[in-house]
Amino acid sequence: MDNQTEILEELKKINATFEYQYSFRKMFWTGIVYGVGFFLGSAILAVILLGVFWPYLSSIPWFRNAFQIGHEVLHQ
């Protein structure tokens, strides 16, 4: 009978943990944190890749022209 009580207590703890993990509030904030992390990680990766490949990309005429047009638009 003692083992049965311990098993029931453990099941109650597991259910409480699942209820917390799958609550709307927890999933909402987890999604916000993952979204911000994804955005920052993507921006950092884009800057690194652009810095590494800039010498090759700047030799492509249409890429250089598009960059110059964007630069002029931003600095008007």
Protein backbone atom coordinates (compact mmCIF):
# COMPACT_ATOMS: atom_id res chain seq x y z
CA MET A 1 0.00 0.00 0.00
CA ASP A 2 2.94 2.33 0.69
CA ASN A 3 4.31 1.95 -2.86
CA GLN A 4 0.91 2.80 -4.28
CA THR A 5 0.81 6.04 -2.28
CA GLU A 6 4.31 6.99 -3.44
CA ILE A 7 3.35 6.32 -7.06
CA LEU A 8 0.22 8.47 -6.74
CA GLU A 9 2.24 11.31 -5.19
CA GLU A 10 4.77 11.14 -8.02
CA LEU A 11 1.98 11.18 -10.61
CA LYS A 12 0.51 14.27 -8.96
CA LYS A 13 3.89 15.99 -9.12
CA ILE A 14 4.30 15.04 -12.79
CA ASN A 15 0.82 16.33 -13.61
CA ALA A 16 1.54 19.62 -11.84
CA THR A 17 4.79 19.97 -13.78
CA PHE A 18 3.04 19.29 -17.10
CA GLU A 19 0.28 21.74 -16.23
CA TYR A 20 2.87 24.45 -15.61
CA GLN A 21 4.98 23.63 -18.67
CA TYR A 22 2.01 23.71 -21.03
CA SER A 23 0.28 26.71 -19.52
CA PHE A 24 -0.48 29.60 -21.85
CA ARG A 25 1.58 32.06 -19.81
CA LYS A 26 4.72 29.89 -19.80
CA MET A 27 4.46 29.10 -23.50
CA PHE A 28 3.79 32.76 -24.34
CA TRP A 29 6.92 34.02 -22.57
CA THR A 30 9.01 31.16 -23.89
CA GLY A 31 7.91 32.08 -27.41
CA ILE A 32 8.82 35.73 -26.82
CA VAL A 33 12.30 34.81 -25.58
CA TYR A 34 12.91 32.37 -28.45
CA GLY A 35 11.66 34.95 -30.97
CA VAL A 36 13.97 37.66 -29.68
CA GLY A 37 16.87 35.20 -29.64
CA PHE A 38 16.15 34.14 -33.20
CA PHE A 39 15.99 37.77 -34.34
CA LEU A 40 19.25 38.76 -32.65
CA GLY A 41 21.02 35.61 -33.80
CA SER A 42 19.92 36.17 -37.38
CA ALA A 43 21.10 39.78 -37.31
CA ILE A 44 24.49 38.82 -35.88
CA LEU A 45 24.89 36.03 -38.42
CA ALA A 46 23.94 38.36 -41.30
CA VAL A 47 26.50 40.97 -40.19
CA ILE A 48 29.25 38.37 -39.89
CA LEU A 49 28.48 36.83 -43.28
CA LEU A 50 28.21 40.22 -44.95
CA GLY A 51 31.56 41.23 -43.44
CA VAL A 52 33.24 38.04 -44.60
CA PHE A 53 31.78 38.02 -48.10
CA TRP A 54 31.75 41.80 -48.72
CA PRO A 55 34.91 41.80 -50.91
CA TYR A 56 33.33 39.21 -53.19
CA LEU A 57 29.88 40.80 -53.18
CA SER A 58 31.20 44.28 -53.93
CA SER A 59 32.74 43.02 -57.15
CA ILE A 60 29.26 42.15 -58.50
CA PRO A 61 27.99 45.27 -60.35
CA TRP A 62 24.26 44.92 -59.62
CA PHE A 63 24.96 44.30 -55.92
CA ARG A 64 27.23 47.34 -55.66
CA ASN A 65 24.67 49.53 -57.49
CA ALA A 66 21.84 48.38 -55.21
CA PHE A 67 23.99 49.14 -52.15
CA GLN A 68 24.86 52.60 -53.45
CA ILE A 69 21.21 53.40 -54.20
CA GLY A 70 20.23 52.32 -50.71
CA HIS A 71 23.05 54.37 -49.23
CA GLU A 72 21.93 57.47 -51.15
CA VAL A 73 18.29 57.00 -50.10
CA LEU A 74 19.25 56.73 -46.45
CA HIS A 75 21.53 59.79 -46.51
CA GLN A 76 19.22 62.27 -48.24
